[in-house]
Amino acid sequence: MSGDVIPREQVIAAVRRELDIALDRIARDRAAGRLSPDAELHIRRAERRRADRLAAAHRPAA
């Protein structure tokens, strides 16, 4: 346990970079029609869930 400690901010930045790369690749494949119908369905569901969460977050409290 005497190894170097990687700062949290550096780890988060690296993970976000990798996620951005993966999302860009998925977007290119989707635009080119290279995704399977099953993958397309999963992406649409995830987009719908995200939109619902964003809408709920911006909705005034009752």
N, C-alpha and C. Protein backbone atom coordinates (compact mmCIF):
# COMPACT_ATOMS: atom_id res chain seq x y z
N MET A 1 0.82 -1.20 0.00
CA MET A 1 0.00 0.00 0.00
C MET A 1 0.86 1.25 0.00
N SER A 2 2.08 1.16 -0.48
CA SER A 2 2.94 2.34 -0.49
C SER A 2 3.00 2.97 -1.87
N GLY A 3 2.08 2.58 -2.75
CA GLY A 3 2.07 3.13 -4.10
C GLY A 3 1.55 4.56 -4.12
N ASP A 4 1.73 5.19 -5.26
CA ASP A 4 1.25 6.56 -5.42
C ASP A 4 -0.27 6.58 -5.40
N VAL A 5 -0.79 7.65 -4.82
CA VAL A 5 -2.24 7.84 -4.76
C VAL A 5 -2.62 8.78 -5.89
N ILE A 6 -3.59 8.36 -6.68
CA ILE A 6 -4.05 9.19 -7.79
C ILE A 6 -5.15 10.10 -7.25
N PRO A 7 -5.02 11.40 -7.49
CA PRO A 7 -6.04 12.34 -6.99
C PRO A 7 -7.42 12.04 -7.59
N ARG A 8 -8.42 12.22 -6.78
CA ARG A 8 -9.80 11.95 -7.19
C ARG A 8 -10.17 12.70 -8.47
N GLU A 9 -9.80 13.97 -8.55
CA GLU A 9 -10.14 14.79 -9.72
C GLU A 9 -9.53 14.22 -10.99
N GLN A 10 -8.32 13.69 -10.88
CA GLN A 10 -7.65 13.10 -12.04
C GLN A 10 -8.37 11.83 -12.49
N VAL A 11 -8.81 11.03 -11.55
CA VAL A 11 -9.53 9.80 -11.88
C VAL A 11 -10.86 10.14 -12.54
N ILE A 12 -11.58 11.11 -11.98
CA ILE A 12 -12.87 11.50 -12.55
C ILE A 12 -12.69 12.03 -13.97
N ALA A 13 -11.66 12.85 -14.19
CA ALA A 13 -11.41 13.40 -15.52
C ALA A 13 -11.09 12.27 -16.52
N ALA A 14 -10.32 11.29 -16.09
CA ALA A 14 -9.97 10.17 -16.98
C ALA A 14 -11.20 9.35 -17.33
N VAL A 15 -12.04 9.09 -16.35
CA VAL A 15 -13.26 8.32 -16.59
C VAL A 15 -14.20 9.07 -17.52
N ARG A 16 -14.34 10.37 -17.31
CA ARG A 16 -15.21 11.18 -18.19
C ARG A 16 -14.68 11.18 -19.62
N ARG A 17 -13.36 11.24 -19.77
CA ARG A 17 -12.76 11.19 -21.12
C ARG A 17 -13.12 9.89 -21.82
N GLU A 18 -12.96 8.78 -21.10
CA GLU A 18 -13.28 7.47 -21.68
C GLU A 18 -14.77 7.35 -22.00
N LEU A 19 -15.61 7.86 -21.12
CA LEU A 19 -17.05 7.84 -21.38
C LEU A 19 -17.40 8.66 -22.61
N ASP A 20 -16.80 9.84 -22.75
CA ASP A 20 -17.04 10.67 -23.92
C ASP A 20 -16.62 9.95 -25.21
N ILE A 21 -15.50 9.26 -25.16
CA ILE A 21 -15.03 8.52 -26.33
C ILE A 21 -16.04 7.42 -26.69
N ALA A 22 -16.50 6.69 -25.68
CA ALA A 22 -17.47 5.61 -25.93
C ALA A 22 -18.79 6.16 -26.46
N LEU A 23 -19.27 7.26 -25.88
CA LEU A 23 -20.53 7.83 -26.34
C LEU A 23 -20.41 8.37 -27.76
N ASP A 24 -19.26 8.96 -28.10
CA ASP A 24 -19.04 9.42 -29.48
C ASP A 24 -19.07 8.25 -30.45
N ARG A 25 -18.42 7.14 -30.08
CA ARG A 25 -18.41 5.96 -30.95
C ARG A 25 -19.83 5.41 -31.14
N ILE A 26 -20.59 5.35 -30.07
CA ILE A 26 -21.97 4.87 -30.16
C ILE A 26 -22.79 5.79 -31.05
N ALA A 27 -22.61 7.10 -30.89
CA ALA A 27 -23.36 8.06 -31.70
C ALA A 27 -23.02 7.91 -33.19
N ARG A 28 -21.73 7.71 -33.49
CA ARG A 28 -21.34 7.50 -34.90
C ARG A 28 -21.94 6.22 -35.46
N ASP A 29 -21.88 5.15 -34.67
CA ASP A 29 -22.44 3.87 -35.12
C ASP A 29 -23.96 3.99 -35.31
N ARG A 30 -24.59 4.70 -34.40
CA ARG A 30 -26.04 4.88 -34.49
C ARG A 30 -26.41 5.68 -35.74
N ALA A 31 -25.68 6.75 -35.99
CA ALA A 31 -25.96 7.59 -37.16
C ALA A 31 -25.73 6.83 -38.47
N ALA A 32 -24.78 5.90 -38.45
CA ALA A 32 -24.47 5.12 -39.65
C ALA A 32 -25.37 3.90 -39.77
N GLY A 33 -26.23 3.66 -38.78
CA GLY A 33 -27.13 2.52 -38.84
C GLY A 33 -26.47 1.19 -38.54
N ARG A 34 -25.37 1.24 -37.79
CA ARG A 34 -24.64 0.01 -37.49
C ARG A 34 -25.04 -0.67 -36.19
N LEU A 35 -26.01 -0.10 -35.47
CA LEU A 35 -26.43 -0.71 -34.21
C LEU A 35 -27.53 -1.74 -34.47
N SER A 36 -27.52 -2.76 -33.66
CA SER A 36 -28.59 -3.77 -33.77
C SER A 36 -29.89 -3.15 -33.26
N PRO A 37 -31.02 -3.69 -33.70
CA PRO A 37 -32.31 -3.18 -33.20
C PRO A 37 -32.40 -3.26 -31.68
N ASP A 38 -31.81 -4.29 -31.09
CA ASP A 38 -31.84 -4.43 -29.64
C ASP A 38 -31.04 -3.31 -28.97
N ALA A 39 -29.87 -3.00 -29.50
CA ALA A 39 -29.05 -1.93 -28.94
C ALA A 39 -29.76 -0.58 -29.09
N GLU A 40 -30.37 -0.37 -30.23
CA GLU A 40 -31.12 0.87 -30.47
C GLU A 40 -32.26 1.01 -29.46
N LEU A 41 -32.95 -0.08 -29.19
CA LEU A 41 -34.04 -0.06 -28.21
C LEU A 41 -33.52 0.31 -26.82
N HIS A 42 -32.39 -0.27 -26.42
CA HIS A 42 -31.81 0.04 -25.11
C HIS A 42 -31.42 1.51 -25.02
N ILE A 43 -30.86 2.04 -26.08
CA ILE A 43 -30.46 3.44 -26.08
C ILE A 43 -31.68 4.34 -25.98
N ARG A 44 -32.71 4.04 -26.73
CA ARG A 44 -33.93 4.87 -26.66
C ARG A 44 -34.55 4.84 -25.27
N ARG A 45 -34.56 3.66 -24.65
CA ARG A 45 -35.09 3.57 -23.29
C ARG A 45 -34.27 4.40 -22.32
N ALA A 46 -32.95 4.32 -22.44
CA ALA A 46 -32.07 5.10 -21.55
C ALA A 46 -32.28 6.59 -21.77
N GLU A 47 -32.43 7.01 -23.03
CA GLU A 47 -32.68 8.42 -23.32
C GLU A 47 -34.02 8.87 -22.73
N ARG A 48 -35.02 8.02 -22.81
CA ARG A 48 -36.33 8.36 -22.25
C ARG A 48 -36.25 8.49 -20.73
N ARG A 49 -35.55 7.55 -20.08
CA ARG A 49 -35.40 7.63 -18.62
C ARG A 49 -34.66 8.90 -18.21
N ARG A 50 -33.63 9.25 -18.95
CA ARG A 50 -32.87 10.47 -18.64
C ARG A 50 -33.74 11.70 -18.82
N ALA A 51 -34.50 11.74 -19.88
CA ALA A 51 -35.39 12.88 -20.11
C ALA A 51 -36.42 12.99 -19.00
N ASP A 52 -36.95 11.86 -18.55
CA ASP A 52 -37.92 11.87 -17.45
C ASP A 52 -37.28 12.39 -16.16
N ARG A 53 -36.05 11.96 -15.88
CA ARG A 53 -35.36 12.43 -14.67
C ARG A 53 -35.09 13.93 -14.74
N LEU A 54 -34.68 14.41 -15.90
CA LEU A 54 -34.42 15.85 -16.06
C LEU A 54 -35.70 16.64 -15.90
N ALA A 55 -36.78 16.16 -16.47
CA ALA A 55 -38.06 16.85 -16.35
C ALA A 55 -38.52 16.88 -14.89
N ALA A 56 -38.33 15.78 -14.19
CA ALA A 56 -38.73 15.73 -12.78
C ALA A 56 -37.87 16.65 -11.94
N ALA A 57 -36.61 16.81 -12.28
CA ALA A 57 -35.72 17.68 -11.52
C ALA A 57 -36.08 19.14 -11.72
N HIS A 58 -36.64 19.49 -12.87
CA HIS A 58 -36.99 20.88 -13.15
C HIS A 58 -38.43 21.20 -12.80
N ARG A 59 -39.17 20.20 -12.40
CA ARG A 59 -40.57 20.39 -12.04
C ARG A 59 -40.65 21.01 -10.64
N PRO A 60 -41.49 22.02 -10.44
CA PRO A 60 -41.62 22.61 -9.10
C PRO A 60 -42.18 21.59 -8.11
N ALA A 61 -41.72 21.68 -6.89
CA ALA A 61 -42.20 20.77 -5.85
C ALA A 61 -43.67 21.05 -5.54
N ALA A 62 -44.41 20.00 -5.29
CA ALA A 62 -45.85 20.14 -5.01
C ALA A 62 -46.09 20.57 -3.58
